[in-house]
Amino acid sequence: MARVLIVGAGLTGSLCAALIRKELPRPVHLAVWDEAGDSGGRMTTARSPCNPESTVDLGAQYITCTPHYAQQHQSFYVDLLALGILKPLTSPIEGMVMKEGDCNFVAPQGVSSIIKHYLDESGADVYFRHCVTQINLRNDKWEVSKDEGPPELFDIVVLTMPVPQILQLQGDVANLISKCQRQQLESVSYSSRYALGLFYEAGTKIDVPWAGQYITSNPCIRFISIDNKKRNIGCVLVFLITPESSEIGPSLVVHTTVPFGVTHLEHSTEAVQELIFQHLEDILPGLPRPVATKCQKWRHSQVTNAAINSHGQLTLHLKPFLVCGGDAFTQSSFDGCVTSARCVLEALKNHV
């Protein structure tokens, strides 16, 4: 049985795992490695250390489906909606730009529930805190080394982490990338930003008419969301009545502007968090101090330039098979990741 390694437990990686399990003509042993401590990638959902039932989406906030992709990726949306993993976004988001025919969806249990669904569907062995450092050729197999523990052999490797991390890999893989492929990979660029999740005590009042708001007049803050209100979970009245009305307090997420993110990229998260707090006070004066926080640096937030002439994936080596996928080869959206995962699957089918 062929051993397949998928590097990256984000949306593309989890989709690749699910599609390979479902559609590859022969059975394989699937493993998914991720350097983080949990799945999700840039669709991550953080939990309050005070109450694990209180969660906040630190990455993607909602999924926008255009009429084109509603048709092309219909089966994916139908499945996720039928299972209750997605539901229509009905809460007010001030400043949202809507195009005719677009539909917006939220994940009631947090966006990482989408990734967990696909990983469960794949039946893959998922390992966290596995940071890939080297990939070498060993007797028509890939020997993949991580920062801790012995290397392992695989017949097929799928890389779905951000492109700069692919370019940093050591070993034979660095020499196997052709000049043309390297130019394609180096053409990819990303925006950078911070996200700050704030968790509040039960009964905390956040008296605003919106569930989310785009900010245009602040140099630091671009977007604010009251996360449980955005997802329509729990009683919305919890913001207006007594602490005894709910055991779960509200959670709030702040996304910074890209210029702020770039300027403070190498600063300590503690210093950045305090700066975000100061700007948040200008927008929501009198906001109580949270009981817990989670500050996330997104060095590779969204793809600003996708790889040139990549068509959803980039095959680096045929025998043994090594392919790159992810939003860097399409666009930073749910549908971009679905497109890439399907392209990776087709490349596998054609060459395996």
Protein backbone atom coordinates (compact mmCIF):
# COMPACT_ATOMS: atom_id res chain seq x y z
CA MET A 1 0.00 0.00 0.00
CA ALA A 2 1.45 3.35 -1.06
CA ARG A 3 2.28 5.74 1.76
CA VAL A 4 1.08 9.29 1.12
CA LEU A 5 2.15 12.28 3.22
CA ILE A 6 0.25 15.56 3.15
CA VAL A 7 2.14 18.42 4.76
CA GLY A 8 -0.28 21.01 6.17
CA ALA A 9 -3.56 20.45 8.04
CA GLY A 10 -5.34 23.50 6.67
CA LEU A 11 -8.23 23.54 4.22
CA THR A 12 -6.32 22.38 1.12
CA GLY A 13 -4.45 19.66 3.02
CA SER A 14 -7.59 18.28 4.67
CA LEU A 15 -9.52 18.41 1.37
CA CYS A 16 -6.66 16.62 -0.44
CA ALA A 17 -6.75 13.91 2.22
CA ALA A 18 -10.53 13.46 1.91
CA LEU A 19 -10.48 13.44 -1.91
CA ILE A 20 -7.52 11.03 -2.12
CA ARG A 21 -9.29 8.63 0.25
CA LYS A 22 -12.54 8.90 -1.72
CA GLU A 23 -11.38 9.01 -5.33
CA LEU A 24 -7.91 7.56 -5.76
CA PRO A 25 -8.35 4.21 -7.57
CA ARG A 26 -6.14 2.23 -5.18
CA PRO A 27 -6.05 2.19 -1.38
CA VAL A 28 -3.27 4.21 0.29
CA HIS A 29 -1.97 4.86 3.77
CA LEU A 30 -2.56 8.56 4.48
CA ALA A 31 -0.65 10.71 6.93
CA VAL A 32 -1.09 14.44 7.55
CA TRP A 33 1.65 16.43 9.32
CA ASP A 34 1.35 19.98 10.59
CA GLU A 35 3.80 22.11 12.53
CA ALA A 36 1.01 23.70 14.61
CA GLY A 37 -0.65 22.20 17.66
CA ASP A 38 -4.04 21.76 15.98
CA SER A 39 -5.66 21.61 12.57
CA GLY A 40 -7.11 24.58 10.70
CA GLY A 41 -4.22 26.52 9.23
CA ARG A 42 -5.59 29.94 8.36
CA MET A 43 -9.08 28.63 9.17
CA THR A 44 -8.27 28.22 12.83
CA THR A 45 -10.65 28.48 15.78
CA ALA A 46 -9.18 29.33 19.19
CA ARG A 47 -10.69 28.29 22.52
CA SER A 48 -10.72 30.30 25.71
CA PRO A 49 -8.42 28.84 28.38
CA CYS A 50 -11.11 29.75 30.90
CA ASN A 51 -13.95 27.96 29.08
CA PRO A 52 -13.31 25.68 26.08
CA GLU A 53 -16.92 26.24 24.97
CA SER A 54 -16.05 29.87 24.25
CA THR A 55 -14.39 30.03 20.83
CA VAL A 56 -13.28 32.61 18.29
CA ASP A 57 -12.32 32.37 14.60
CA LEU A 58 -8.88 33.92 14.25
CA GLY A 59 -8.56 33.37 10.49
CA ALA A 60 -11.36 33.20 7.92
CA GLN A 61 -14.56 34.78 9.25
CA TYR A 62 -17.12 33.58 6.73
CA ILE A 63 -17.24 31.91 3.32
CA THR A 64 -18.45 33.79 0.26
CA CYS A 65 -19.78 31.64 -2.57
CA THR A 66 -20.18 33.20 -6.02
CA PRO A 67 -22.77 31.91 -8.53
CA HIS A 68 -19.94 30.36 -10.59
CA TYR A 69 -18.61 28.28 -7.70
CA ALA A 70 -22.08 27.54 -6.31
CA GLN A 71 -22.50 25.46 -9.46
CA GLN A 72 -18.93 24.17 -9.85
CA HIS A 73 -18.52 23.15 -6.19
CA GLN A 74 -22.16 22.40 -5.48
CA SER A 75 -21.52 18.99 -3.89
CA PHE A 76 -19.12 20.48 -1.32
CA TYR A 77 -21.61 23.15 -0.23
CA VAL A 78 -24.54 20.73 -0.20
CA ASP A 79 -22.66 18.29 2.05
CA LEU A 80 -21.45 20.94 4.52
CA LEU A 81 -24.90 22.56 4.74
CA ALA A 82 -26.67 19.21 5.16
CA LEU A 83 -24.35 18.32 8.05
CA GLY A 84 -24.86 21.72 9.71
CA ILE A 85 -21.13 22.50 9.41
CA LEU A 86 -22.08 25.55 7.35
CA LYS A 87 -25.20 27.68 7.56
CA PRO A 88 -26.21 30.94 5.86
CA LEU A 89 -24.79 34.11 7.39
CA THR A 90 -27.81 36.08 8.59
CA SER A 91 -26.19 38.37 11.18
CA PRO A 92 -25.49 41.98 10.13
CA ILE A 93 -21.94 42.72 8.94
CA GLU A 94 -21.53 46.47 8.47
CA GLY A 95 -19.42 47.53 5.49
CA MET A 96 -19.58 44.15 3.77
CA VAL A 97 -19.40 44.45 -0.03
CA MET A 98 -22.02 42.20 -1.61
CA LYS A 99 -22.09 41.30 -5.29
CA GLU A 100 -25.23 40.10 -7.03
CA GLY A 101 -25.78 36.38 -6.58
CA ASP A 102 -23.18 35.93 -3.82
CA CYS A 103 -24.06 33.84 -0.76
CA ASN A 104 -22.25 34.03 2.58
CA PHE A 105 -21.95 31.18 5.06
CA VAL A 106 -20.67 30.81 8.61
CA ALA A 107 -19.55 27.74 10.53
CA PRO A 108 -21.61 27.52 13.78
CA GLN A 109 -18.87 25.51 15.54
CA GLY A 110 -16.05 27.66 14.16
CA VAL A 111 -14.33 27.53 10.78
CA SER A 112 -11.87 24.86 11.94
CA SER A 113 -14.83 22.45 12.11
CA ILE A 114 -14.69 22.34 8.28
CA ILE A 115 -11.10 21.11 8.37
CA LYS A 116 -11.84 18.61 11.15
CA HIS A 117 -14.72 17.23 9.05
CA TYR A 118 -12.49 16.58 6.03
CA LEU A 119 -9.73 15.07 8.15
CA ASP A 120 -12.24 12.74 9.82
CA GLU A 121 -13.62 11.82 6.40
CA SER A 122 -10.12 10.98 5.15
CA GLY A 123 -9.31 8.56 7.94
CA ALA A 124 -5.75 9.90 7.81
CA ASP A 125 -3.29 9.60 10.67
CA VAL A 126 -2.89 13.24 11.72
CA TYR A 127 0.22 14.40 13.59
CA PHE A 128 0.78 17.85 15.06
CA ARG A 129 4.06 19.52 16.09
CA HIS A 130 5.62 17.86 13.03
CA CYS A 131 7.68 20.55 11.29
CA VAL A 132 9.17 19.23 8.02
CA THR A 133 12.80 20.29 7.56
CA GLN A 134 14.22 18.09 4.78
CA ILE A 135 13.00 15.95 1.89
CA ASN A 136 15.49 13.54 0.29
CA LEU A 137 15.34 10.86 -2.42
CA ARG A 138 15.94 7.35 -1.08
CA ASN A 139 15.46 4.38 -3.48
CA ASP A 140 12.51 5.86 -5.38
CA LYS A 141 10.85 7.07 -2.19
CA TRP A 142 10.82 10.34 -0.30
CA GLU A 143 12.62 10.41 3.02
CA VAL A 144 10.94 13.19 4.98
CA SER A 145 12.70 14.61 8.04
CA LYS A 146 11.08 16.67 10.78
CA ASP A 147 12.61 18.82 13.51
CA GLU A 148 12.21 16.01 16.05
CA GLY A 149 12.22 12.24 15.69
CA PRO A 150 13.53 9.93 12.96
CA PRO A 151 12.79 10.53 9.23
CA GLU A 152 10.04 8.51 7.51
CA LEU A 153 9.66 7.14 3.97
CA PHE A 154 6.72 7.96 1.68
CA ASP A 155 5.82 7.13 -1.92
CA ILE A 156 3.92 10.39 -2.50
CA VAL A 157 4.27 13.81 -0.84
CA VAL A 158 1.77 16.69 -1.13
CA LEU A 159 2.96 20.07 0.16
CA THR A 160 0.19 22.49 1.13
CA MET A 161 2.03 24.85 3.50
CA PRO A 162 2.77 28.50 2.50
CA VAL A 163 5.20 28.76 -0.42
CA PRO A 164 8.02 30.49 1.56
CA GLN A 165 8.12 27.39 3.80
CA ILE A 166 8.39 25.15 0.71
CA LEU A 167 11.32 27.22 -0.54
CA GLN A 168 13.07 26.85 2.84
CA LEU A 169 13.06 23.04 2.73
CA GLN A 170 16.50 21.44 2.79
CA GLY A 171 17.73 18.24 1.18
CA ASP A 172 17.39 16.90 -2.36
CA VAL A 173 14.10 18.71 -2.90
CA ALA A 174 15.94 22.06 -3.00
CA ASN A 175 18.00 20.85 -5.98
CA LEU A 176 15.13 19.08 -7.73
CA ILE A 177 13.10 22.29 -8.15
CA SER A 178 13.83 23.53 -11.67
CA LYS A 179 14.70 27.15 -12.44
CA CYS A 180 11.25 27.65 -14.00
CA GLN A 181 9.47 26.09 -11.02
CA ARG A 182 11.50 28.21 -8.61
CA GLN A 183 10.47 31.34 -10.52
CA GLN A 184 6.83 30.24 -10.26
CA LEU A 185 7.15 29.71 -6.50
CA GLU A 186 9.06 32.96 -5.96
CA SER A 187 6.31 34.87 -7.80
CA VAL A 188 3.90 34.15 -4.91
CA SER A 189 3.36 36.93 -2.37
CA TYR A 190 1.24 37.22 0.77
CA SER A 191 -0.25 39.96 2.92
CA SER A 192 0.50 39.96 6.65
CA ARG A 193 -1.71 40.91 9.59
CA TYR A 194 -2.52 40.15 13.19
CA ALA A 195 -5.71 38.76 14.68
CA LEU A 196 -6.62 39.26 18.32
CA GLY A 197 -9.23 37.07 19.99
CA LEU A 198 -10.86 38.37 23.19
CA PHE A 199 -12.87 36.19 25.56
CA TYR A 200 -15.29 37.75 28.09
CA GLU A 201 -17.10 36.66 31.21
CA ALA A 202 -20.64 35.36 30.87
CA GLY A 203 -23.14 38.20 30.85
CA THR A 204 -20.70 40.81 29.55
CA LYS A 205 -22.57 43.48 27.65
CA ILE A 206 -21.30 44.40 24.17
CA ASP A 207 -24.13 46.67 23.10
CA VAL A 208 -23.67 47.18 19.34
CA PRO A 209 -26.21 46.63 16.53
CA TRP A 210 -23.86 44.55 14.36
CA ALA A 211 -22.21 41.14 14.54
CA GLY A 212 -19.28 42.29 12.46
CA GLN A 213 -17.97 45.59 11.13
CA TYR A 214 -15.38 46.62 8.56
CA ILE A 215 -13.40 49.65 9.75
CA THR A 216 -12.08 52.14 7.21
CA SER A 217 -10.94 55.01 9.43
CA ASN A 218 -8.38 53.34 11.70
CA PRO A 219 -4.70 52.71 10.85
CA CYS A 220 -4.60 49.54 12.97
CA ILE A 221 -7.99 47.82 12.84
CA ARG A 222 -9.71 46.58 9.67
CA PHE A 223 -12.41 44.23 10.96
CA ILE A 224 -14.20 43.46 14.24
CA SER A 225 -16.57 40.60 14.89
CA ILE A 226 -18.55 39.49 17.92
CA ASP A 227 -17.96 35.90 17.04
CA ASN A 228 -20.84 34.05 18.70
CA LYS A 229 -23.24 36.73 17.44
CA LYS A 230 -21.83 36.34 13.92
CA ARG A 231 -22.41 32.58 14.14
CA ASN A 232 -25.83 32.97 15.80
CA ILE A 233 -24.91 30.59 18.61
CA GLY A 234 -26.27 30.89 22.13
CA CYS A 235 -28.74 33.55 23.16
CA VAL A 236 -28.04 36.92 21.59
CA LEU A 237 -29.82 38.47 24.58
CA VAL A 238 -26.85 37.42 26.71
CA PHE A 239 -25.34 40.81 25.84
CA LEU A 240 -28.28 42.64 27.37
CA ILE A 241 -29.36 40.68 30.43
CA THR A 242 -27.91 39.26 33.62
CA PRO A 243 -24.76 37.13 33.99
CA GLU A 244 -26.87 34.16 35.09
CA SER A 245 -28.48 33.97 31.62
CA SER A 246 -25.62 32.01 30.03
CA GLU A 247 -22.48 30.15 31.05
CA ILE A 248 -20.61 31.25 27.92
CA GLY A 249 -19.52 34.84 27.58
CA PRO A 250 -19.15 36.66 24.28
CA SER A 251 -15.98 36.41 22.22
CA LEU A 252 -14.65 39.10 19.94
CA VAL A 253 -12.04 39.04 17.19
CA VAL A 254 -10.09 41.97 15.75
CA HIS A 255 -8.22 41.77 12.44
CA THR A 256 -5.61 44.43 11.80
CA THR A 257 -4.93 46.23 8.56
CA VAL A 258 -2.19 44.84 6.31
CA PRO A 259 0.05 47.95 6.66
CA PHE A 260 -0.11 47.60 10.45
CA GLY A 261 0.68 43.90 10.17
CA VAL A 262 3.68 44.49 7.92
CA THR A 263 5.03 47.31 10.10
CA HIS A 264 4.83 45.26 13.31
CA LEU A 265 5.60 41.82 11.86
CA GLU A 266 8.78 41.32 13.89
CA HIS A 267 7.50 42.97 17.09
CA SER A 268 6.54 40.93 20.16
CA THR A 269 2.93 39.75 20.24
CA GLU A 270 2.56 41.33 23.71
CA ALA A 271 3.49 44.78 22.37
CA VAL A 272 1.26 44.36 19.32
CA GLN A 273 -1.65 43.19 21.46
CA GLU A 274 -1.42 46.30 23.64
CA LEU A 275 -1.40 48.53 20.55
CA ILE A 276 -4.50 46.78 19.19
CA PHE A 277 -6.23 47.28 22.57
CA GLN A 278 -5.50 51.01 22.42
CA HIS A 279 -7.03 51.35 18.96
CA LEU A 280 -9.99 49.17 19.90
CA GLU A 281 -10.75 51.53 22.78
CA ASP A 282 -11.13 54.35 20.23
CA ILE A 283 -13.67 52.32 18.24
CA LEU A 284 -15.52 50.69 21.16
CA PRO A 285 -14.95 52.97 24.16
CA GLY A 286 -15.68 51.41 27.52
CA LEU A 287 -15.21 47.84 26.31
CA PRO A 288 -14.47 45.73 29.40
CA ARG A 289 -11.15 43.99 29.83
CA PRO A 290 -11.36 40.36 28.64
CA VAL A 291 -10.70 37.38 30.90
CA ALA A 292 -8.44 35.80 28.25
CA THR A 293 -6.84 36.73 24.93
CA LYS A 294 -5.20 35.04 21.97
CA CYS A 295 -2.99 37.09 19.65
CA GLN A 296 -2.22 35.44 16.31
CA LYS A 297 0.42 36.65 13.85
CA TRP A 298 -0.50 35.82 10.26
CA ARG A 299 2.82 36.19 8.44
CA HIS A 300 1.19 34.57 5.39
CA SER A 301 -2.36 35.85 5.67
CA GLN A 302 -3.81 36.00 2.15
CA VAL A 303 -2.25 35.45 -1.26
CA THR A 304 -1.78 38.77 -3.06
CA ASN A 305 -0.07 37.20 -6.11
CA ALA A 306 -0.65 33.55 -6.99
CA ALA A 307 2.02 31.41 -8.67
CA ILE A 308 2.22 32.19 -12.37
CA ASN A 309 0.97 29.47 -14.77
CA SER A 310 0.39 26.97 -11.97
CA HIS A 311 -3.22 25.89 -12.75
CA GLY A 312 -4.13 24.95 -9.19
CA GLN A 313 -1.04 22.85 -8.40
CA LEU A 314 2.63 22.56 -9.21
CA THR A 315 4.13 19.11 -9.75
CA LEU A 316 7.79 19.24 -8.70
CA HIS A 317 8.73 15.59 -9.35
CA LEU A 318 7.02 12.62 -11.04
CA LYS A 319 8.73 9.45 -9.77
CA PRO A 320 8.37 9.47 -6.82
CA PHE A 321 5.51 11.97 -6.95
CA LEU A 322 5.87 15.36 -5.25
CA VAL A 323 3.26 18.09 -5.74
CA CYS A 324 2.45 21.50 -4.23
CA GLY A 325 -1.09 22.75 -3.67
CA GLY A 326 -2.96 25.47 -1.81
CA ASP A 327 -4.34 28.96 -2.29
CA ALA A 328 -0.91 30.10 -3.55
CA PHE A 329 -1.82 28.31 -6.80
CA THR A 330 -5.37 29.66 -7.05
CA GLN A 331 -6.79 32.32 -4.69
CA SER A 332 -7.31 32.80 -0.94
CA SER A 333 -10.86 31.55 -0.53
CA PHE A 334 -12.75 28.37 0.27
CA ASP A 335 -13.32 27.81 -3.44
CA GLY A 336 -9.67 28.51 -4.23
CA CYS A 337 -8.66 25.70 -1.87
CA VAL A 338 -11.30 23.32 -3.26
CA THR A 339 -10.05 24.06 -6.78
CA SER A 340 -6.44 23.38 -5.78
CA ALA A 341 -7.28 20.15 -3.94
CA ARG A 342 -9.15 18.87 -7.00
CA CYS A 343 -6.22 19.79 -9.25
CA VAL A 344 -3.82 17.93 -6.93
CA LEU A 345 -6.10 14.87 -7.10
CA GLU A 346 -6.17 14.96 -10.91
CA ALA A 347 -2.37 15.27 -11.04
CA LEU A 348 -2.10 12.23 -8.76
CA LYS A 349 -4.54 10.21 -10.86
CA ASN A 350 -2.64 11.04 -14.05
CA HIS A 351 0.80 10.09 -12.76
CA VAL A 352 0.33 7.45 -10.07
